[in-house]
Amino acid sequence: LPTSQVLAASGVRLPPPVHAIRDGVGVVDTPRVVIDPSFGPTLAAVRDKLPTPHAVSLAQGSTLVLEGDLTRVRLEALSLDGALVVRVVPGADVTIRNLRVSNKGWEFGELTGGEPEELAIRGYKLRKLQTRELIFDQPGVYVVDDGPLGLPALVNSFSLLGVAVALAAALAGMVLLRRSP
């Protein structure tokens, strides 16, 4: 099964496929999903990583890329309308608790002629207009949470510093990561 269909079979909300023509070839467009096999080699393993699949949705034209060691990654709530890339190193325990991403994303561009052979064979140019990237390059425990009102949250053992940073981040309109000791 294509990865988007694996997510749909797990209960993730996806839009219906759209039929399109790209360089004269009919294609079926769904959200583009690339997930490292370490996320789950079976449908049952993928379902374990999605405890609330109804709270995960990908809009038409969205791109989701999950790379790296995904053995300790969980998606609890994600609303994606655009492009999101998540990279995880071994030893990182990542929970996407509540994340909303809305950006211009990636699109397939028409070829104009004279492109390199690898593009001519593919039949399109991939234009990465905007991408939200979450990079977990250090082992540890991370929770990504936009908060109940879409406000970022950073709480580190309920420390005063964590609360102050969360408030500053909320004022700056940033999404931060919670890192537990």
N, C-alpha and C. Protein backbone atom coordinates (compact mmCIF):
# COMPACT_ATOMS: atom_id res chain seq x y z
N LEU A 1 0.83 -1.20 0.00
CA LEU A 1 0.00 0.00 0.00
C LEU A 1 0.87 1.25 0.00
N PRO A 2 0.46 2.28 -0.72
CA PRO A 2 1.15 3.57 -0.59
C PRO A 2 1.03 4.08 0.85
N THR A 3 2.01 4.83 1.29
CA THR A 3 2.05 5.28 2.67
C THR A 3 0.81 6.06 3.07
N SER A 4 0.28 6.89 2.17
CA SER A 4 -0.93 7.64 2.53
C SER A 4 -2.09 6.69 2.79
N GLN A 5 -2.15 5.58 2.05
CA GLN A 5 -3.22 4.61 2.28
C GLN A 5 -3.02 3.85 3.58
N VAL A 6 -1.78 3.63 3.98
CA VAL A 6 -1.50 3.01 5.27
C VAL A 6 -2.03 3.92 6.39
N LEU A 7 -1.78 5.22 6.26
CA LEU A 7 -2.29 6.16 7.26
C LEU A 7 -3.82 6.16 7.26
N ALA A 8 -4.42 6.16 6.08
CA ALA A 8 -5.89 6.15 6.00
C ALA A 8 -6.45 4.87 6.63
N ALA A 9 -5.80 3.73 6.38
CA ALA A 9 -6.24 2.47 6.97
C ALA A 9 -6.08 2.47 8.49
N SER A 10 -5.22 3.35 8.99
CA SER A 10 -5.02 3.48 10.44
C SER A 10 -6.00 4.46 11.06
N GLY A 11 -6.81 5.13 10.25
CA GLY A 11 -7.82 6.06 10.76
C GLY A 11 -7.50 7.52 10.59
N VAL A 12 -6.36 7.84 9.97
CA VAL A 12 -6.00 9.24 9.73
C VAL A 12 -6.96 9.82 8.70
N ARG A 13 -7.35 11.09 8.92
CA ARG A 13 -8.28 11.76 8.00
C ARG A 13 -7.53 12.32 6.80
N LEU A 14 -7.89 11.82 5.62
CA LEU A 14 -7.30 12.28 4.37
C LEU A 14 -8.42 12.71 3.42
N PRO A 15 -8.14 13.68 2.55
CA PRO A 15 -9.15 14.07 1.56
C PRO A 15 -9.28 12.99 0.50
N PRO A 16 -10.39 13.00 -0.24
CA PRO A 16 -10.52 12.03 -1.33
C PRO A 16 -9.47 12.32 -2.40
N PRO A 17 -9.02 11.28 -3.11
CA PRO A 17 -8.03 11.49 -4.18
C PRO A 17 -8.57 12.40 -5.27
N VAL A 18 -7.66 13.14 -5.89
CA VAL A 18 -8.00 14.04 -6.98
C VAL A 18 -7.28 13.54 -8.23
N HIS A 19 -8.01 13.44 -9.33
CA HIS A 19 -7.39 13.03 -10.60
C HIS A 19 -6.82 14.26 -11.28
N ALA A 20 -5.56 14.16 -11.73
CA ALA A 20 -4.89 15.29 -12.37
C ALA A 20 -4.08 14.78 -13.56
N ILE A 21 -3.66 15.72 -14.39
CA ILE A 21 -2.80 15.40 -15.53
C ILE A 21 -1.48 16.12 -15.30
N ARG A 22 -0.39 15.36 -15.33
CA ARG A 22 0.94 15.94 -15.15
C ARG A 22 1.80 15.52 -16.33
N ASP A 23 2.19 16.50 -17.14
CA ASP A 23 3.00 16.25 -18.34
C ASP A 23 2.34 15.21 -19.25
N GLY A 24 1.01 15.35 -19.37
CA GLY A 24 0.26 14.49 -20.26
C GLY A 24 -0.09 13.12 -19.68
N VAL A 25 0.28 12.87 -18.43
CA VAL A 25 0.03 11.58 -17.80
C VAL A 25 -1.00 11.76 -16.69
N GLY A 26 -2.02 10.91 -16.69
CA GLY A 26 -3.01 10.97 -15.64
C GLY A 26 -2.45 10.41 -14.34
N VAL A 27 -2.65 11.13 -13.26
CA VAL A 27 -2.19 10.69 -11.94
C VAL A 27 -3.32 10.88 -10.93
N VAL A 28 -3.22 10.17 -9.84
CA VAL A 28 -4.15 10.32 -8.73
C VAL A 28 -3.37 11.00 -7.61
N ASP A 29 -3.80 12.22 -7.28
CA ASP A 29 -3.12 12.99 -6.23
C ASP A 29 -3.77 12.73 -4.89
N THR A 30 -2.92 12.40 -3.93
CA THR A 30 -3.30 12.31 -2.53
C THR A 30 -2.26 13.11 -1.78
N PRO A 31 -2.44 13.35 -0.50
CA PRO A 31 -1.34 13.98 0.24
C PRO A 31 -0.08 13.12 0.07
N ARG A 32 1.04 13.78 -0.07
CA ARG A 32 2.31 13.07 -0.27
C ARG A 32 2.89 12.72 1.10
N VAL A 33 3.17 11.46 1.31
CA VAL A 33 3.63 10.99 2.61
C VAL A 33 4.85 10.10 2.40
N VAL A 34 5.95 10.45 3.07
CA VAL A 34 7.16 9.64 3.06
C VAL A 34 7.53 9.39 4.52
N ILE A 35 7.49 8.11 4.90
CA ILE A 35 7.77 7.76 6.30
C ILE A 35 8.80 6.64 6.32
N ASP A 36 9.86 6.85 7.10
CA ASP A 36 10.88 5.83 7.27
C ASP A 36 10.24 4.55 7.80
N PRO A 37 10.68 3.38 7.32
CA PRO A 37 10.08 2.12 7.78
C PRO A 37 10.17 1.89 9.29
N SER A 38 11.08 2.56 9.97
CA SER A 38 11.20 2.37 11.42
C SER A 38 9.96 2.87 12.17
N PHE A 39 9.10 3.64 11.51
CA PHE A 39 7.86 4.10 12.14
C PHE A 39 6.95 2.93 12.44
N GLY A 40 6.95 1.95 11.57
CA GLY A 40 6.14 0.76 11.78
C GLY A 40 6.17 -0.14 10.57
N PRO A 41 6.71 -1.34 10.71
CA PRO A 41 6.80 -2.24 9.56
C PRO A 41 5.46 -2.90 9.20
N THR A 42 4.50 -2.82 10.10
CA THR A 42 3.18 -3.42 9.85
C THR A 42 2.09 -2.39 10.13
N LEU A 43 0.91 -2.66 9.63
CA LEU A 43 -0.22 -1.77 9.89
C LEU A 43 -0.50 -1.69 11.39
N ALA A 44 -0.40 -2.79 12.09
CA ALA A 44 -0.62 -2.79 13.54
C ALA A 44 0.39 -1.91 14.26
N ALA A 45 1.65 -1.94 13.82
CA ALA A 45 2.69 -1.11 14.43
C ALA A 45 2.44 0.37 14.15
N VAL A 46 1.98 0.67 12.94
CA VAL A 46 1.65 2.07 12.61
C VAL A 46 0.49 2.54 13.47
N ARG A 47 -0.52 1.71 13.63
CA ARG A 47 -1.68 2.08 14.47
C ARG A 47 -1.25 2.36 15.91
N ASP A 48 -0.25 1.63 16.41
CA ASP A 48 0.24 1.88 17.77
C ASP A 48 0.86 3.27 17.91
N LYS A 49 1.41 3.80 16.81
CA LYS A 49 2.03 5.13 16.84
C LYS A 49 1.02 6.25 16.69
N LEU A 50 -0.24 5.88 16.41
CA LEU A 50 -1.33 6.85 16.19
C LEU A 50 -2.45 6.56 17.18
N PRO A 51 -2.28 6.92 18.46
CA PRO A 51 -3.29 6.57 19.46
C PRO A 51 -4.65 7.24 19.23
N THR A 52 -4.65 8.39 18.56
CA THR A 52 -5.90 9.10 18.25
C THR A 52 -5.87 9.48 16.76
N PRO A 53 -6.00 8.49 15.87
CA PRO A 53 -5.85 8.77 14.43
C PRO A 53 -6.86 9.77 13.89
N HIS A 54 -8.03 9.84 14.50
CA HIS A 54 -9.04 10.82 14.05
C HIS A 54 -8.58 12.26 14.28
N ALA A 55 -7.56 12.46 15.14
CA ALA A 55 -7.03 13.79 15.42
C ALA A 55 -5.85 14.14 14.50
N VAL A 56 -5.56 13.27 13.54
CA VAL A 56 -4.49 13.51 12.58
C VAL A 56 -5.14 13.70 11.21
N SER A 57 -4.87 14.85 10.57
CA SER A 57 -5.46 15.11 9.26
C SER A 57 -4.44 15.78 8.35
N LEU A 58 -4.49 15.39 7.09
CA LEU A 58 -3.63 15.97 6.06
C LEU A 58 -4.52 16.52 4.96
N ALA A 59 -4.33 17.78 4.62
CA ALA A 59 -5.12 18.43 3.57
C ALA A 59 -4.61 18.02 2.19
N GLN A 60 -5.47 18.20 1.19
CA GLN A 60 -5.07 17.92 -0.19
C GLN A 60 -3.84 18.74 -0.54
N GLY A 61 -2.87 18.11 -1.19
CA GLY A 61 -1.65 18.81 -1.60
C GLY A 61 -0.59 18.89 -0.52
N SER A 62 -0.86 18.37 0.67
CA SER A 62 0.11 18.42 1.77
C SER A 62 1.20 17.38 1.57
N THR A 63 2.35 17.65 2.23
CA THR A 63 3.48 16.74 2.20
C THR A 63 3.94 16.50 3.63
N LEU A 64 4.02 15.23 4.02
CA LEU A 64 4.51 14.83 5.33
C LEU A 64 5.71 13.93 5.14
N VAL A 65 6.85 14.31 5.72
CA VAL A 65 8.07 13.51 5.65
C VAL A 65 8.52 13.24 7.07
N LEU A 66 8.61 11.96 7.44
CA LEU A 66 9.13 11.53 8.74
C LEU A 66 10.38 10.71 8.48
N GLU A 67 11.53 11.22 8.96
CA GLU A 67 12.82 10.59 8.65
C GLU A 67 13.59 10.25 9.91
N GLY A 68 14.44 9.23 9.80
CA GLY A 68 15.34 8.89 10.88
C GLY A 68 14.85 7.71 11.68
N ASP A 69 15.25 7.67 12.95
CA ASP A 69 14.86 6.58 13.84
C ASP A 69 13.51 6.93 14.45
N LEU A 70 12.45 6.37 13.89
CA LEU A 70 11.08 6.71 14.30
C LEU A 70 10.51 5.68 15.28
N THR A 71 11.35 4.84 15.83
CA THR A 71 10.85 3.79 16.72
C THR A 71 10.16 4.34 17.95
N ARG A 72 10.53 5.55 18.38
CA ARG A 72 9.93 6.16 19.57
C ARG A 72 9.23 7.47 19.23
N VAL A 73 8.53 7.48 18.09
CA VAL A 73 7.77 8.66 17.65
C VAL A 73 6.29 8.31 17.68
N ARG A 74 5.48 9.22 18.23
CA ARG A 74 4.02 9.06 18.25
C ARG A 74 3.37 10.32 17.69
N LEU A 75 2.31 10.13 16.92
CA LEU A 75 1.51 11.25 16.41
C LEU A 75 0.16 11.19 17.08
N GLU A 76 -0.10 12.14 17.99
CA GLU A 76 -1.38 12.17 18.69
C GLU A 76 -2.37 13.10 18.00
N ALA A 77 -1.92 14.30 17.63
CA ALA A 77 -2.80 15.26 16.96
C ALA A 77 -1.95 16.13 16.03
N LEU A 78 -2.31 16.09 14.75
CA LEU A 78 -1.60 16.88 13.74
C LEU A 78 -2.61 17.34 12.71
N SER A 79 -2.59 18.63 12.42
CA SER A 79 -3.38 19.19 11.33
C SER A 79 -2.39 19.79 10.35
N LEU A 80 -2.25 19.17 9.18
CA LEU A 80 -1.25 19.58 8.21
C LEU A 80 -1.92 20.09 6.94
N ASP A 81 -1.62 21.34 6.61
CA ASP A 81 -2.04 21.95 5.35
C ASP A 81 -0.80 22.65 4.80
N GLY A 82 0.04 21.89 4.11
CA GLY A 82 1.32 22.41 3.63
C GLY A 82 2.36 21.31 3.70
N ALA A 83 3.58 21.66 4.10
CA ALA A 83 4.67 20.68 4.17
C ALA A 83 5.28 20.66 5.57
N LEU A 84 5.50 19.44 6.07
CA LEU A 84 6.13 19.22 7.36
C LEU A 84 7.17 18.13 7.21
N VAL A 85 8.40 18.41 7.67
CA VAL A 85 9.47 17.43 7.70
C VAL A 85 9.90 17.27 9.15
N VAL A 86 9.92 16.02 9.62
CA VAL A 86 10.37 15.71 10.99
C VAL A 86 11.55 14.76 10.86
N ARG A 87 12.69 15.14 11.47
CA ARG A 87 13.89 14.30 11.46
C ARG A 87 14.24 13.95 12.90
N VAL A 88 14.48 12.67 13.13
CA VAL A 88 14.68 12.18 14.50
C VAL A 88 15.94 11.31 14.56
N VAL A 89 16.81 11.57 15.54
CA VAL A 89 18.01 10.76 15.73
C VAL A 89 17.70 9.60 16.67
N PRO A 90 18.53 8.56 16.63
CA PRO A 90 18.35 7.47 17.60
C PRO A 90 18.42 8.02 19.02
N GLY A 91 17.55 7.51 19.88
CA GLY A 91 17.54 7.94 21.28
C GLY A 91 16.59 9.09 21.55
N ALA A 92 15.96 9.64 20.53
CA ALA A 92 14.99 10.71 20.73
C ALA A 92 13.60 10.10 20.83
N ASP A 93 12.90 10.46 21.87
CA ASP A 93 11.52 10.01 22.11
C ASP A 93 10.64 11.22 21.83
N VAL A 94 9.89 11.19 20.72
CA VAL A 94 9.16 12.36 20.24
C VAL A 94 7.65 12.07 20.22
N THR A 95 6.89 12.96 20.84
CA THR A 95 5.44 12.89 20.78
C THR A 95 4.93 14.18 20.15
N ILE A 96 4.21 14.04 19.04
CA ILE A 96 3.54 15.19 18.44
C ILE A 96 2.16 15.22 19.11
N ARG A 97 2.06 15.98 20.18
CA ARG A 97 0.84 16.01 20.98
C ARG A 97 -0.26 16.83 20.32
N ASN A 98 0.11 18.01 19.79
CA ASN A 98 -0.89 18.91 19.20
C ASN A 98 -0.13 19.89 18.31
N LEU A 99 -0.16 19.66 17.02
CA LEU A 99 0.60 20.50 16.09
C LEU A 99 -0.27 20.89 14.91
N ARG A 100 -0.28 22.18 14.61
CA ARG A 100 -0.98 22.70 13.45
C ARG A 100 0.05 23.36 12.53
N VAL A 101 0.09 22.90 11.29
CA VAL A 101 1.02 23.44 10.30
C VAL A 101 0.21 23.91 9.10
N SER A 102 0.39 25.17 8.75
CA SER A 102 -0.25 25.73 7.57
C SER A 102 0.77 26.61 6.86
N ASN A 103 1.20 26.16 5.69
CA ASN A 103 2.15 26.93 4.90
C ASN A 103 1.90 26.64 3.41
N LYS A 104 2.70 27.23 2.53
CA LYS A 104 2.50 27.06 1.09
C LYS A 104 2.88 25.67 0.61
N GLY A 105 3.70 24.96 1.38
CA GLY A 105 4.02 23.58 1.07
C GLY A 105 4.86 23.40 -0.17
N TRP A 106 4.71 22.22 -0.78
CA TRP A 106 5.45 21.84 -1.98
C TRP A 106 4.46 21.65 -3.11
N GLU A 107 4.91 21.93 -4.32
CA GLU A 107 4.03 21.71 -5.47
C GLU A 107 4.83 21.11 -6.62
N PHE A 108 4.09 20.46 -7.52
CA PHE A 108 4.69 19.91 -8.73
C PHE A 108 4.62 20.98 -9.80
N GLY A 109 5.78 21.28 -10.38
CA GLY A 109 5.84 22.28 -11.44
C GLY A 109 5.97 21.64 -12.81
N GLU A 110 5.40 22.31 -13.79
CA GLU A 110 5.49 21.86 -15.19
C GLU A 110 6.92 22.04 -15.69
N LEU A 111 7.31 21.16 -16.57
CA LEU A 111 8.62 21.29 -17.22
C LEU A 111 8.48 22.23 -18.41
N THR A 112 9.50 23.00 -18.65
CA THR A 112 9.47 23.97 -19.75
C THR A 112 10.32 23.53 -20.92
N GLY A 113 11.03 22.43 -20.78
CA GLY A 113 11.92 21.94 -21.84
C GLY A 113 13.35 22.33 -21.52
N GLY A 114 14.27 21.47 -21.90
CA GLY A 114 15.68 21.75 -21.65
C GLY A 114 16.13 21.42 -20.23
N GLU A 115 15.27 20.78 -19.44
CA GLU A 115 15.66 20.40 -18.09
C GLU A 115 16.64 19.22 -18.13
N PRO A 116 17.36 19.01 -17.04
CA PRO A 116 18.26 17.85 -16.98
C PRO A 116 17.47 16.54 -17.16
N GLU A 117 18.17 15.51 -17.56
CA GLU A 117 17.53 14.23 -17.88
C GLU A 117 16.72 13.67 -16.71
N GLU A 118 17.24 13.79 -15.49
CA GLU A 118 16.51 13.22 -14.34
C GLU A 118 15.15 13.89 -14.14
N LEU A 119 15.04 15.17 -14.46
CA LEU A 119 13.74 15.83 -14.38
C LEU A 119 12.86 15.45 -15.56
N ALA A 120 13.45 15.33 -16.74
CA ALA A 120 12.68 14.96 -17.92
C ALA A 120 12.07 13.57 -17.75
N ILE A 121 12.83 12.65 -17.16
CA ILE A 121 12.32 11.30 -16.91
C ILE A 121 11.18 11.34 -15.90
N ARG A 122 11.35 12.13 -14.84
CA ARG A 122 10.33 12.24 -13.79
C ARG A 122 9.08 12.93 -14.33
N GLY A 123 9.26 13.96 -15.14
CA GLY A 123 8.12 14.63 -15.74
C GLY A 123 7.63 15.86 -14.99
N TYR A 124 8.31 16.27 -13.94
CA TYR A 124 7.91 17.46 -13.18
C TYR A 124 9.08 17.97 -12.37
N LYS A 125 8.95 19.21 -11.92
CA LYS A 125 9.90 19.81 -10.96
C LYS A 125 9.18 19.88 -9.63
N LEU A 126 9.87 19.53 -8.58
CA LEU A 126 9.30 19.67 -7.25
C LEU A 126 9.73 21.03 -6.70
N ARG A 127 8.75 21.88 -6.42
CA ARG A 127 9.04 23.21 -5.88
C ARG A 127 8.70 23.21 -4.40
N LYS A 128 9.72 23.42 -3.58
CA LYS A 128 9.53 23.47 -2.14
C LYS A 128 9.34 24.93 -1.75
N LEU A 129 8.08 25.36 -1.69
CA LEU A 129 7.76 26.76 -1.44
C LEU A 129 7.97 27.12 0.03
N GLN A 130 7.37 26.34 0.92
CA GLN A 130 7.54 26.54 2.37
C GLN A 130 7.49 25.19 3.05
N THR A 131 8.32 25.02 4.05
CA THR A 131 8.39 23.77 4.79
C THR A 131 8.58 24.07 6.27
N ARG A 132 7.80 23.44 7.10
CA ARG A 132 8.04 23.48 8.55
C ARG A 132 8.92 22.28 8.86
N GLU A 133 10.03 22.52 9.54
CA GLU A 133 10.94 21.43 9.89
C GLU A 133 11.05 21.33 11.40
N LEU A 134 10.95 20.11 11.89
CA LEU A 134 11.20 19.80 13.29
C LEU A 134 12.37 18.84 13.31
N ILE A 135 13.50 19.28 13.86
CA ILE A 135 14.72 18.49 13.86
C ILE A 135 15.05 18.11 15.31
N PHE A 136 15.08 16.83 15.57
CA PHE A 136 15.44 16.32 16.89
C PHE A 136 16.79 15.64 16.74
N ASP A 137 17.88 16.44 16.94
CA ASP A 137 19.22 15.96 16.66
C ASP A 137 19.99 15.55 17.90
N GLN A 138 19.30 15.50 19.04
CA GLN A 138 19.90 15.05 20.29
C GLN A 138 18.98 14.04 20.95
N PRO A 139 19.51 12.97 21.53
CA PRO A 139 18.65 12.05 22.28
C PRO A 139 17.96 12.80 23.42
N GLY A 140 16.77 12.37 23.77
CA GLY A 140 16.01 13.00 24.85
C GLY A 140 14.53 12.76 24.64
N VAL A 141 13.72 13.35 25.51
CA VAL A 141 12.28 13.22 25.43
C VAL A 141 11.71 14.56 25.00
N TYR A 142 10.93 14.56 23.92
CA TYR A 142 10.39 15.79 23.37
C TYR A 142 8.88 15.66 23.17
N VAL A 143 8.16 16.73 23.47
CA VAL A 143 6.73 16.80 23.22
C VAL A 143 6.47 18.08 22.44
N VAL A 144 5.85 17.96 21.28
CA VAL A 144 5.51 19.13 20.47
C VAL A 144 4.03 19.41 20.73
N ASP A 145 3.76 20.63 21.21
CA ASP A 145 2.40 20.97 21.61
C ASP A 145 2.14 22.44 21.32
N ASP A 146 1.20 22.71 20.41
CA ASP A 146 0.81 24.09 20.11
C ASP A 146 -0.07 24.68 21.21
N GLY A 147 -0.52 23.87 22.14
CA GLY A 147 -1.38 24.36 23.21
C GLY A 147 -2.83 24.39 22.76
N PRO A 148 -3.74 24.57 23.72
CA PRO A 148 -5.17 24.50 23.42
C PRO A 148 -5.67 25.61 22.49
N LEU A 149 -5.00 26.73 22.47
CA LEU A 149 -5.44 27.84 21.63
C LEU A 149 -4.47 28.09 20.47
N GLY A 150 -3.65 27.07 20.19
CA GLY A 150 -2.67 27.25 19.13
C GLY A 150 -1.45 28.01 19.61
N LEU A 151 -1.35 28.23 20.92
CA LEU A 151 -0.19 28.92 21.47
C LEU A 151 0.89 27.92 21.81
N PRO A 152 2.14 28.27 21.56
CA PRO A 152 3.22 27.34 21.85
C PRO A 152 3.36 27.12 23.35
N ALA A 153 3.91 25.98 23.68
CA ALA A 153 4.13 25.66 25.08
C ALA A 153 5.50 25.04 25.26
N LEU A 154 6.18 25.42 26.29
CA LEU A 154 7.43 24.79 26.69
C LEU A 154 7.37 24.68 28.20
N VAL A 155 7.27 23.49 28.67
CA VAL A 155 7.26 23.28 30.11
C VAL A 155 8.28 22.21 30.42
N ASN A 156 9.23 22.54 31.26
CA ASN A 156 10.27 21.61 31.65
C ASN A 156 10.14 21.37 33.14
N SER A 157 9.44 20.31 33.50
CA SER A 157 9.20 19.97 34.90
C SER A 157 8.54 21.13 35.65
N PHE A 158 7.70 21.90 35.00
CA PHE A 158 6.96 23.01 35.59
C PHE A 158 7.88 24.03 36.25
N SER A 159 9.07 24.19 35.72
CA SER A 159 10.01 25.15 36.30
C SER A 159 9.58 26.57 35.94
N LEU A 160 9.97 27.51 36.76
CA LEU A 160 9.67 28.92 36.51
C LEU A 160 10.29 29.35 35.19
N LEU A 161 11.51 28.87 34.92
CA LEU A 161 12.16 29.20 33.66
C LEU A 161 11.33 28.67 32.48
N GLY A 162 10.81 27.44 32.59
CA GLY A 162 9.99 26.87 31.52
C GLY A 162 8.75 27.70 31.26
N VAL A 163 8.09 28.17 32.31
CA VAL A 163 6.90 28.99 32.17
C VAL A 163 7.25 30.33 31.53
N ALA A 164 8.37 30.93 31.94
CA ALA A 164 8.79 32.22 31.37
C ALA A 164 9.11 32.06 29.89
N VAL A 165 9.79 30.98 29.52
CA VAL A 165 10.13 30.75 28.12
C VAL A 165 8.86 30.51 27.31
N ALA A 166 7.91 29.76 27.87
CA ALA A 166 6.65 29.51 27.17
C ALA A 166 5.90 30.81 26.91
N LEU A 167 5.87 31.69 27.89
CA LEU A 167 5.20 32.97 27.73
C LEU A 167 5.89 33.80 26.66
N ALA A 168 7.21 33.86 26.69
CA ALA A 168 7.96 34.61 25.68
C ALA A 168 7.72 34.03 24.29
N ALA A 169 7.70 32.70 24.20
CA ALA A 169 7.47 32.05 22.91
C ALA A 169 6.07 32.35 22.40
N ALA A 170 5.08 32.34 23.29
CA ALA A 170 3.71 32.62 22.89
C ALA A 170 3.61 34.04 22.33
N LEU A 171 4.28 34.96 22.97
CA LEU A 171 4.27 36.34 22.49
C LEU A 171 4.97 36.47 21.15
N ALA A 172 5.98 35.63 20.92
CA ALA A 172 6.72 35.68 19.67
C ALA A 172 6.04 34.87 18.57
N GLY A 173 5.02 34.08 18.94
CA GLY A 173 4.30 33.29 17.95
C GLY A 173 5.07 32.07 17.46
N MET A 174 5.93 31.54 18.31
CA MET A 174 6.74 30.39 17.93
C MET A 174 6.17 29.12 18.55
N VAL A 175 6.44 28.00 17.91
CA VAL A 175 6.13 26.70 18.51
C VAL A 175 7.43 26.15 19.05
N LEU A 176 7.45 25.84 20.31
CA LEU A 176 8.63 25.28 20.94
C LEU A 176 8.39 23.83 21.29
N LEU A 177 9.41 23.19 21.72
CA LEU A 177 9.35 21.79 22.06
C LEU A 177 9.50 21.64 23.56
N ARG A 178 8.74 20.74 24.14
CA ARG A 178 8.92 20.41 25.53
C ARG A 178 9.96 19.34 25.62
N ARG A 179 10.91 19.51 26.48
CA ARG A 179 11.94 18.50 26.67
C ARG A 179 11.93 18.13 28.14
N SER A 180 11.68 16.86 28.40
CA SER A 180 11.65 16.39 29.77
C SER A 180 13.02 15.85 30.13
N PRO A 181 13.41 15.95 31.40
CA PRO A 181 14.73 15.43 31.79
C PRO A 181 14.80 13.93 31.67
